[in-house]
């Protein structure tokens, strides 16, 4: 594990890169951590505090109220809410002592230090500066060695959780039971938080993209879709696997599952520096089109089915997103908005790939009745076959990949499909 000196050096490089990318004029830049949020009506309870990603990236500190300041010609000044004796009594902040860390200043000194200078803000603020944020987004996209080590730790905890889960998938288990077992294994295996709320969806629930687990029991013949990940020191893993409940996939399920697997493999093979993310999606969509033709759901040529939007009826989301500091890390800058490609869904980020960026690749096929109802009458859809499959649910398989100089590395390859 990287030591304190390695982390300090990484923070120095990140701050240097951010300062070099910004042009704040005569203003001071303030990057705010955010404040603790009370749970309404629950006495003195508060939600677990998570610092804004921009603040955490530049400070490696999860503490409410903090402000990191940058002044051109003066450099960086770290203002921190002092730790009190009462906090140490009630919260037992590990490794902390009263006061502020070495090299930081008490938060109460911020206003005097500003001295009335103009301010531009980032982090947890309603007044974020788009130009500064766009520049920081681009700085944050390539992952440094400290970040990659944390992502690998999160991935190992996620691997252990899915290994625990796979042995429990059986008729009679509930989605909630499986969620609890999976998340406990994440935390036992080195994760310190969930990367996001676990999705565990069986049967027709698996056609809902972000389904919250229930107490409904799994049935033999169901598909079980689980999308989950552990987090370590703010860095996320994001994995989806789809399992047959009670034995083997039937013929229809096998065809869909194999199609999604092949779509993911084709998309991953396309990942390399300079490749457009929309072309990675299109590669997956062409494979999905082939599978849906074989399944008897679509008719026509794969290319035309993608361009017409027919495939998007069954693969309605983008092929993935950036991952790293948070499950959707360093997304689109405000000046990167592009018109959607013909037939493709809206992509969270629509840019060329670059080395050291981390992305999810997560194609899927789903049979979603409300989505399909709005497309009735299309001649490239075999509606009689669709009607037979409306209770099918969905299949998604997701990997995390790191773009390298010559292609990509699958960070989640050790988690069995």
Protein backbone atom coordinates (compact mmCIF):
# COMPACT_ATOMS: atom_id res chain seq x y z
CA UNK A 1 0.00 0.00 0.00
CA UNK A 2 1.24 3.49 -0.83
CA UNK A 3 2.67 5.38 2.12
CA UNK A 4 2.14 8.91 3.33
CA UNK A 5 5.02 10.23 1.26
CA UNK A 6 3.65 8.70 -1.95
CA UNK A 7 0.24 10.23 -1.29
CA UNK A 8 1.76 13.64 -0.53
CA UNK A 9 3.69 13.53 -3.79
CA UNK A 10 0.56 12.53 -5.72
CA UNK A 11 -1.37 15.43 -4.17
CA UNK A 12 1.40 17.85 -5.08
CA UNK A 13 1.33 16.67 -8.70
CA UNK A 14 -2.47 16.93 -8.85
CA UNK A 15 -2.41 20.47 -7.47
CA UNK A 16 0.34 21.48 -9.86
CA UNK A 17 -1.65 20.11 -12.80
CA UNK A 18 -4.84 21.85 -11.66
CA UNK A 19 -3.09 25.20 -11.18
CA UNK A 20 -1.50 24.87 -14.61
CA UNK A 21 -4.89 24.18 -16.21
CA UNK A 22 -6.70 27.10 -14.53
CA UNK A 23 -6.73 30.77 -15.44
CA UNK A 24 -8.53 32.40 -12.50
CA UNK A 25 -7.35 35.91 -13.27
CA UNK A 26 -7.03 37.91 -10.05
CA UNK A 27 -9.52 35.69 -8.21
CA UNK A 28 -8.91 33.14 -5.48
CA UNK A 29 -10.20 29.61 -6.19
CA UNK A 30 -11.98 27.92 -3.28
CA UNK A 31 -12.61 24.17 -3.44
CA UNK A 32 -15.19 23.25 -0.80
CA UNK A 33 -15.57 19.86 0.90
CA UNK A 34 -19.21 20.36 1.82
CA UNK A 35 -21.01 20.10 5.13
CA UNK A 36 -22.49 17.27 7.12
CA UNK A 37 -26.19 16.77 6.35
CA UNK A 38 -28.58 16.03 9.23
CA UNK A 39 -31.21 13.32 8.79
CA UNK A 40 -34.52 15.23 9.02
CA UNK A 41 -36.50 14.51 12.17
CA UNK A 42 -33.97 11.99 13.55
CA UNK A 43 -32.49 13.92 16.45
CA UNK A 44 -28.77 14.50 16.12
CA UNK A 45 -28.23 11.85 13.43
CA UNK A 46 -26.46 12.81 10.21
CA UNK A 47 -25.87 11.08 6.90
CA UNK A 48 -22.37 9.59 6.49
CA UNK A 49 -20.19 12.44 5.29
CA UNK A 50 -18.59 12.19 1.86
CA UNK A 51 -16.39 15.07 0.74
CA UNK A 52 -16.99 16.45 -2.74
CA UNK A 53 -14.86 14.54 -5.24
CA UNK A 54 -12.97 17.66 -6.35
CA UNK A 55 -11.96 18.43 -2.76
CA UNK A 56 -11.06 14.81 -1.99
CA UNK A 57 -8.95 14.57 -5.16
CA UNK A 58 -6.86 17.58 -4.13
CA UNK A 59 -6.66 16.96 -0.34
CA UNK A 60 -7.24 13.23 0.33
CA UNK A 61 -9.35 14.33 3.29
CA UNK A 62 -12.90 13.30 4.24
CA UNK A 63 -13.85 16.02 6.73
CA UNK A 64 -16.83 18.40 6.68
CA UNK A 65 -16.39 22.11 6.22
CA UNK A 66 -12.91 22.10 4.70
CA UNK A 67 -11.87 24.61 2.03
CA UNK A 68 -8.78 24.31 -0.15
CA UNK A 69 -7.76 27.70 -1.53
CA UNK A 70 -5.57 28.57 -4.48
CA UNK A 71 -4.28 32.07 -5.11
CA UNK A 72 -2.15 32.80 -8.21
CA UNK A 73 1.31 33.85 -7.11
CA UNK A 74 0.70 32.55 -3.59
CA UNK A 75 -0.16 28.89 -4.11
CA UNK A 76 -2.33 26.56 -2.07
CA UNK A 77 -3.65 27.07 1.46
CA UNK A 78 -5.62 24.37 3.25
CA UNK A 79 -8.33 25.55 5.68
CA UNK A 80 -9.76 22.85 7.95
CA UNK A 81 -12.40 22.82 10.68
CA UNK A 82 -10.39 22.10 13.86
CA UNK A 83 -11.01 18.78 15.61
CA UNK A 84 -12.52 19.42 19.03
CA UNK A 85 -12.20 17.49 22.26
CA UNK A 86 -15.95 16.80 22.10
CA UNK A 87 -15.58 15.20 18.66
CA UNK A 88 -12.81 12.98 19.97
CA UNK A 89 -15.08 11.94 22.83
CA UNK A 90 -18.14 11.12 20.71
CA UNK A 91 -16.67 10.15 17.36
CA UNK A 92 -13.18 8.92 18.15
CA UNK A 93 -11.72 10.22 14.89
CA UNK A 94 -9.02 7.71 14.08
CA UNK A 95 -5.56 9.26 13.88
CA UNK A 96 -6.79 12.76 14.68
CA UNK A 97 -5.92 15.08 17.51
CA UNK A 98 -7.33 18.40 18.66
CA UNK A 99 -6.72 21.27 16.28
CA UNK A 100 -5.79 21.10 12.61
CA UNK A 101 -3.32 18.87 10.74
CA UNK A 102 0.23 20.05 10.21
CA UNK A 103 0.43 22.51 7.32
CA UNK A 104 -3.26 23.48 7.49
CA UNK A 105 -4.92 26.55 8.94
CA UNK A 106 -8.13 26.80 11.01
CA UNK A 107 -11.23 27.39 8.92
CA UNK A 108 -12.03 30.49 10.93
CA UNK A 109 -9.04 32.27 9.37
CA UNK A 110 -10.36 31.97 5.81
CA UNK A 111 -12.26 35.26 5.60
CA UNK A 112 -9.37 37.33 6.92
CA UNK A 113 -6.99 35.57 4.52
CA UNK A 114 -9.26 36.32 1.57
CA UNK A 115 -9.16 39.99 2.45
CA UNK A 116 -12.03 40.87 0.12
CA UNK A 117 -10.41 39.38 -2.98
CA UNK A 118 -12.75 38.05 -5.70
CA UNK A 119 -13.58 34.36 -5.38
CA UNK A 120 -14.33 31.57 -7.86
CA UNK A 121 -15.70 28.34 -6.42
CA UNK A 122 -15.52 24.58 -6.97
CA UNK A 123 -16.48 21.52 -4.98
CA UNK A 124 -19.66 21.49 -2.88
CA UNK A 125 -21.16 24.81 -3.93
CA UNK A 126 -24.14 26.03 -5.90
CA UNK A 127 -21.87 28.61 -7.56
CA UNK A 128 -19.37 26.30 -9.26
CA UNK A 129 -17.30 27.90 -11.99
CA UNK A 130 -17.81 25.97 -15.25
CA UNK A 131 -14.48 26.95 -16.82
CA UNK A 132 -12.47 25.89 -13.76
CA UNK A 133 -14.50 22.70 -13.35
CA UNK A 134 -14.05 21.74 -17.00
CA UNK A 135 -10.28 22.16 -16.64
CA UNK A 136 -10.22 20.08 -13.45
CA UNK A 137 -12.33 17.36 -15.05
CA UNK A 138 -9.65 16.93 -17.70
CA UNK A 139 -6.89 16.88 -15.08
CA UNK A 140 -8.74 14.21 -13.09
CA UNK A 141 -9.42 11.79 -15.95
CA UNK A 142 -6.01 10.06 -16.17
CA UNK A 143 -5.46 8.01 -13.04
CA UNK A 144 -2.20 8.24 -11.08
CA UNK A 145 -0.60 5.31 -9.28
CA UNK A 146 -2.21 6.10 -5.92
CA UNK A 147 -5.63 6.14 -7.57
CA UNK A 148 -5.02 2.90 -9.45
CA UNK A 149 -3.86 1.14 -6.30
CA UNK A 150 -7.06 2.17 -4.54
CA UNK A 151 -9.17 1.04 -7.48
CA UNK A 152 -7.45 -2.34 -7.41
CA UNK A 153 -8.13 -2.64 -3.67
CA UNK A 154 -11.80 -1.85 -4.32
CA UNK A 155 -11.86 -4.41 -7.12
CA UNK A 156 -10.39 -7.13 -4.91
CA UNK A 157 -13.06 -6.50 -2.27
CA UNK A 158 -15.68 -6.61 -5.02
CA UNK A 159 -14.25 -9.91 -6.32
CA UNK A 160 -14.58 -11.42 -2.84
CA UNK A 161 -18.17 -10.24 -2.59
CA UNK A 162 -19.22 -11.76 -5.90
CA UNK A 163 -17.45 -15.02 -4.98
CA UNK A 164 -19.56 -15.15 -1.82
CA UNK A 165 -22.72 -14.32 -3.76
CA UNK A 166 -22.26 -16.90 -6.51
CA UNK A 167 -22.49 -19.78 -4.04
CA UNK A 168 -25.77 -18.50 -2.62
CA UNK A 169 -27.84 -18.05 -5.78
CA UNK A 170 -30.65 -20.59 -5.39
CA UNK A 171 -34.46 -20.77 -5.38
CA UNK A 172 -35.95 -19.52 -2.12
CA UNK A 173 -33.25 -16.96 -1.40
CA UNK A 174 -34.42 -13.38 -1.51
CA UNK A 175 -32.87 -10.45 -3.31
CA UNK A 176 -32.34 -8.83 0.10
CA UNK A 177 -30.54 -11.88 1.51
CA UNK A 178 -28.12 -11.84 -1.38
CA UNK A 179 -27.58 -8.10 -1.04
CA UNK A 180 -26.66 -8.47 2.64
CA UNK A 181 -24.25 -11.34 1.98
CA UNK A 182 -22.58 -9.51 -0.88
CA UNK A 183 -22.13 -6.24 0.98
CA UNK A 184 -20.84 -7.95 4.12
CA UNK A 185 -18.19 -9.70 2.03
CA UNK A 186 -17.18 -6.37 0.48
CA UNK A 187 -16.52 -4.92 3.92
CA UNK A 188 -14.83 -8.06 5.29
CA UNK A 189 -12.49 -8.06 2.31
CA UNK A 190 -11.12 -4.54 2.57
CA UNK A 191 -13.82 -2.29 1.18
CA UNK A 192 -14.64 0.63 3.44
CA UNK A 193 -17.88 1.72 1.78
CA UNK A 194 -20.30 0.75 -0.96
CA UNK A 195 -19.53 2.36 -4.29
CA UNK A 196 -23.29 2.74 -4.86
CA UNK A 197 -26.57 1.17 -3.76
CA UNK A 198 -26.55 -2.53 -4.67
CA UNK A 199 -28.83 -3.67 -7.49
CA UNK A 200 -30.05 -7.27 -7.01
CA UNK A 201 -32.93 -8.02 -9.34
CA UNK A 202 -34.51 -11.38 -10.13
CA UNK A 203 -37.05 -12.40 -12.77
CA UNK A 204 -38.87 -9.48 -14.35
CA UNK A 205 -37.13 -7.14 -11.87
CA UNK A 206 -33.93 -7.65 -13.89
CA UNK A 207 -35.37 -5.51 -16.68
CA UNK A 208 -35.29 -2.46 -14.34
CA UNK A 209 -31.92 -0.79 -14.74
CA UNK A 210 -31.51 0.40 -11.12
CA UNK A 211 -33.73 -1.99 -9.18
CA UNK A 212 -33.57 -1.92 -5.35
CA UNK A 213 -33.58 -5.40 -3.76
CA UNK A 214 -36.80 -6.66 -2.18
CA UNK A 215 -37.81 -9.60 0.02
CA UNK A 216 -39.29 -11.47 -2.97
CA UNK A 217 -37.87 -14.98 -3.21
CA UNK A 218 -35.94 -16.14 -6.26
CA UNK A 219 -37.62 -18.80 -8.38
CA UNK A 220 -36.07 -21.60 -10.42
CA UNK A 221 -35.67 -20.41 -13.98
CA UNK A 222 -35.27 -16.75 -13.03
CA UNK A 223 -32.40 -14.60 -14.14
CA UNK A 224 -30.66 -12.75 -11.30
CA UNK A 225 -28.90 -9.52 -12.25
CA UNK A 226 -26.52 -8.08 -9.63
CA UNK A 227 -24.81 -4.73 -10.17
CA UNK A 228 -22.65 -3.75 -7.21
CA UNK A 229 -19.22 -2.65 -6.10
CA UNK A 230 -17.02 -1.92 -3.13
CA UNK A 231 -15.24 1.35 -2.55
CA UNK A 232 -11.83 1.94 -1.00
CA UNK A 233 -10.71 5.42 0.13
CA UNK A 234 -13.25 6.98 -2.22
CA UNK A 235 -12.34 4.85 -5.25
CA UNK A 236 -14.94 2.59 -6.78
CA UNK A 237 -15.35 -0.75 -8.47
CA UNK A 238 -18.50 -1.29 -10.55
CA UNK A 239 -19.42 -4.80 -11.67
CA UNK A 240 -22.52 -6.52 -13.05
CA UNK A 241 -23.08 -10.24 -13.40
CA UNK A 242 -26.24 -12.12 -14.43
CA UNK A 243 -26.85 -15.63 -13.05
CA UNK A 244 -29.38 -18.39 -13.75
CA UNK A 245 -31.35 -19.32 -10.64
CA UNK A 246 -31.56 -23.02 -9.98
CA UNK A 247 -29.26 -24.41 -12.61
CA UNK A 248 -28.41 -23.73 -16.22
CA UNK A 249 -29.59 -21.02 -18.57
CA UNK A 250 -32.37 -22.18 -20.87
CA UNK A 251 -31.93 -21.81 -24.62
CA UNK A 252 -33.39 -18.30 -24.86
CA UNK A 253 -31.47 -17.10 -21.80
CA UNK A 254 -28.25 -18.64 -23.12
CA UNK A 255 -28.60 -16.84 -26.45
CA UNK A 256 -29.19 -13.48 -24.78
CA UNK A 257 -26.45 -14.01 -22.18
CA UNK A 258 -23.92 -15.08 -24.84
CA UNK A 259 -24.85 -12.09 -26.97
CA UNK A 260 -24.25 -9.67 -24.10
CA UNK A 261 -20.96 -11.36 -23.26
CA UNK A 262 -19.78 -11.10 -26.86
CA UNK A 263 -20.93 -7.48 -27.08
CA UNK A 264 -18.83 -6.66 -24.03
CA UNK A 265 -15.81 -8.45 -25.43
CA UNK A 266 -16.13 -6.61 -28.75
CA UNK A 267 -16.44 -3.25 -26.98
CA UNK A 268 -13.45 -3.96 -24.73
CA UNK A 269 -11.36 -5.01 -27.72
CA UNK A 270 -12.12 -1.63 -29.29
CA UNK A 271 -10.93 0.37 -26.26
CA UNK A 272 -7.65 2.17 -27.00
CA UNK A 273 -6.37 5.75 -26.96
CA UNK A 274 -8.02 7.93 -29.59
CA UNK A 275 -11.04 5.69 -30.12
CA UNK A 276 -14.37 7.54 -29.83
CA UNK A 277 -16.55 6.28 -26.98
CA UNK A 278 -19.59 6.36 -29.29
CA UNK A 279 -17.75 3.90 -31.55
CA UNK A 280 -17.18 1.59 -28.57
CA UNK A 281 -20.93 1.70 -27.95
CA UNK A 282 -21.66 1.10 -31.63
CA UNK A 283 -19.40 -1.96 -31.61
CA UNK A 284 -21.41 -3.45 -28.75
CA UNK A 285 -24.71 -2.48 -30.39
CA UNK A 286 -23.83 -4.30 -33.63
CA UNK A 287 -23.25 -7.52 -31.69
CA UNK A 288 -26.52 -7.00 -29.82
CA UNK A 289 -28.27 -6.53 -33.17
CA UNK A 290 -26.91 -9.87 -34.41
CA UNK A 291 -28.17 -11.61 -31.28
CA UNK A 292 -31.62 -10.05 -31.46
CA UNK A 293 -31.92 -11.14 -35.08
CA UNK A 294 -30.98 -14.69 -34.09
CA UNK A 295 -33.48 -14.53 -31.21
CA UNK A 296 -36.19 -13.63 -33.73
CA UNK A 297 -36.92 -10.22 -32.20
CA UNK A 298 -35.52 -7.98 -34.97
CA UNK A 299 -35.39 -8.27 -38.76
CA UNK A 300 -32.99 -6.47 -41.08
CA UNK A 301 -29.27 -5.74 -41.36
CA UNK A 302 -27.39 -5.08 -38.07
CA UNK A 303 -26.04 -1.69 -39.24
CA UNK A 304 -29.48 -0.38 -40.19
CA UNK A 305 -31.04 -1.73 -36.97
CA UNK A 306 -28.46 0.22 -34.95
CA UNK A 307 -28.86 3.43 -36.96
CA UNK A 308 -32.66 3.29 -36.87
CA UNK A 309 -32.75 2.96 -33.09
CA UNK A 310 -34.31 -0.52 -33.14
CA UNK A 311 -31.45 -1.94 -31.05
CA UNK A 312 -31.82 0.86 -28.50
CA UNK A 313 -35.31 -0.46 -27.68
CA UNK A 314 -33.58 -3.47 -26.10
CA UNK A 315 -30.19 -1.88 -25.19
CA UNK A 316 -31.49 1.49 -23.96
CA UNK A 317 -28.47 2.85 -22.07
CA UNK A 318 -24.93 3.83 -22.97
CA UNK A 319 -22.28 1.13 -22.99
CA UNK A 320 -20.63 2.58 -19.89
CA UNK A 321 -19.14 5.56 -18.10
CA UNK A 322 -15.96 6.71 -16.41
CA UNK A 323 -15.18 5.17 -13.04
CA UNK A 324 -12.65 5.97 -10.36
CA UNK A 325 -13.15 8.57 -7.64
CA UNK A 326 -16.81 7.67 -7.31
CA UNK A 327 -18.79 5.31 -9.49
CA UNK A 328 -19.27 7.96 -12.20
CA UNK A 329 -16.02 9.83 -12.17
CA UNK A 330 -15.01 12.99 -14.05
CA UNK A 331 -17.86 13.00 -16.53
CA UNK A 332 -18.51 15.29 -19.47
CA UNK A 333 -17.19 18.83 -19.37
CA UNK A 334 -19.69 21.57 -20.19
CA UNK A 335 -18.01 22.22 -23.54
CA UNK A 336 -18.13 18.56 -24.61
CA UNK A 337 -21.84 18.34 -25.42
CA UNK A 338 -22.37 16.55 -28.72
CA UNK A 339 -25.44 15.66 -30.72
CA UNK A 340 -26.37 12.00 -30.16
CA UNK A 341 -25.26 9.66 -32.92
CA UNK A 342 -28.15 8.37 -35.07
CA UNK A 343 -29.91 5.48 -33.34
CA UNK A 344 -27.77 5.50 -30.21
CA UNK A 345 -28.99 6.46 -26.72
CA UNK A 346 -27.60 9.51 -24.97
CA UNK A 347 -24.09 8.72 -23.71
CA UNK A 348 -22.96 9.99 -20.30
CA UNK A 349 -19.60 10.94 -21.80
CA UNK A 350 -19.00 11.24 -25.54
CA UNK A 351 -15.27 11.80 -26.04
CA UNK A 352 -12.22 9.97 -27.42
CA UNK A 353 -10.51 7.61 -24.97
CA UNK A 354 -7.10 8.44 -23.54
CA UNK A 355 -4.44 6.43 -21.71
CA UNK A 356 -4.86 5.95 -17.94
CA UNK A 357 -8.60 6.61 -18.04
CA UNK A 358 -10.86 4.01 -16.39
CA UNK A 359 -14.25 3.12 -17.88
CA UNK A 360 -17.02 0.62 -17.35
CA UNK A 361 -18.13 -1.50 -20.29
CA UNK A 362 -21.64 -2.80 -19.60
CA UNK A 363 -23.83 -3.78 -22.53
CA UNK A 364 -27.22 -5.31 -21.81
CA UNK A 365 -30.40 -6.65 -23.36
CA UNK A 366 -33.74 -6.07 -21.62
CA UNK A 367 -37.42 -6.56 -22.39
CA UNK A 368 -39.11 -3.49 -20.86
CA UNK A 369 -42.85 -3.40 -21.55
CA UNK A 370 -43.40 0.40 -21.20
CA UNK A 371 -40.42 1.17 -23.45
CA UNK A 372 -41.55 -1.29 -26.11
CA UNK A 373 -45.19 -0.20 -25.96
CA UNK A 374 -44.25 3.19 -27.35
CA UNK A 375 -42.64 1.60 -30.43
CA UNK A 376 -45.51 -0.67 -31.48
CA UNK A 377 -45.95 -0.80 -35.23
CA UNK A 378 -42.28 -0.68 -36.21
CA UNK A 379 -41.68 -3.04 -39.11
CA UNK A 380 -38.17 -4.04 -38.02
CA UNK A 381 -39.46 -5.49 -34.73
CA UNK A 382 -41.13 -8.93 -34.69
CA UNK A 383 -43.87 -8.08 -32.21
CA UNK A 384 -45.24 -11.57 -31.84
CA UNK A 385 -41.82 -12.71 -30.63
CA UNK A 386 -41.48 -9.67 -28.35
CA UNK A 387 -44.81 -10.55 -26.72
CA UNK A 388 -43.47 -14.02 -25.92
CA UNK A 389 -40.47 -12.45 -24.16
CA UNK A 390 -42.02 -9.61 -22.16
CA UNK A 391 -41.51 -11.42 -18.84
CA UNK A 392 -37.93 -12.39 -19.69
CA UNK A 393 -36.24 -9.64 -17.65
CA UNK A 394 -32.76 -8.57 -18.66
CA UNK A 395 -29.09 -9.47 -18.86
CA UNK A 396 -26.18 -7.12 -18.20
CA UNK A 397 -22.48 -7.97 -17.86
CA UNK A 398 -20.12 -5.21 -16.74
CA UNK A 399 -16.36 -4.94 -16.55
CA UNK A 400 -14.08 -2.08 -15.50
CA UNK A 401 -11.27 -1.33 -17.94
CA UNK A 402 -8.15 0.83 -17.77
CA UNK A 403 -7.08 2.34 -21.08
CA UNK A 404 -3.38 1.71 -21.70
CA UNK A 405 -0.97 3.04 -24.30
CA UNK A 406 -1.67 0.08 -26.58
CA UNK A 407 -5.22 -0.94 -25.70
CA UNK A 408 -6.75 -1.65 -22.31
CA UNK A 409 -6.52 -3.79 -19.18
CA UNK A 410 -9.64 -5.40 -17.72
CA UNK A 411 -9.42 -4.52 -14.03
CA UNK A 412 -12.29 -6.86 -13.11
CA UNK A 413 -11.13 -9.89 -15.11
CA UNK A 414 -10.69 -12.00 -11.96
CA UNK A 415 -14.43 -11.84 -11.21
CA UNK A 416 -15.99 -14.84 -12.99
CA UNK A 417 -18.79 -14.23 -15.45
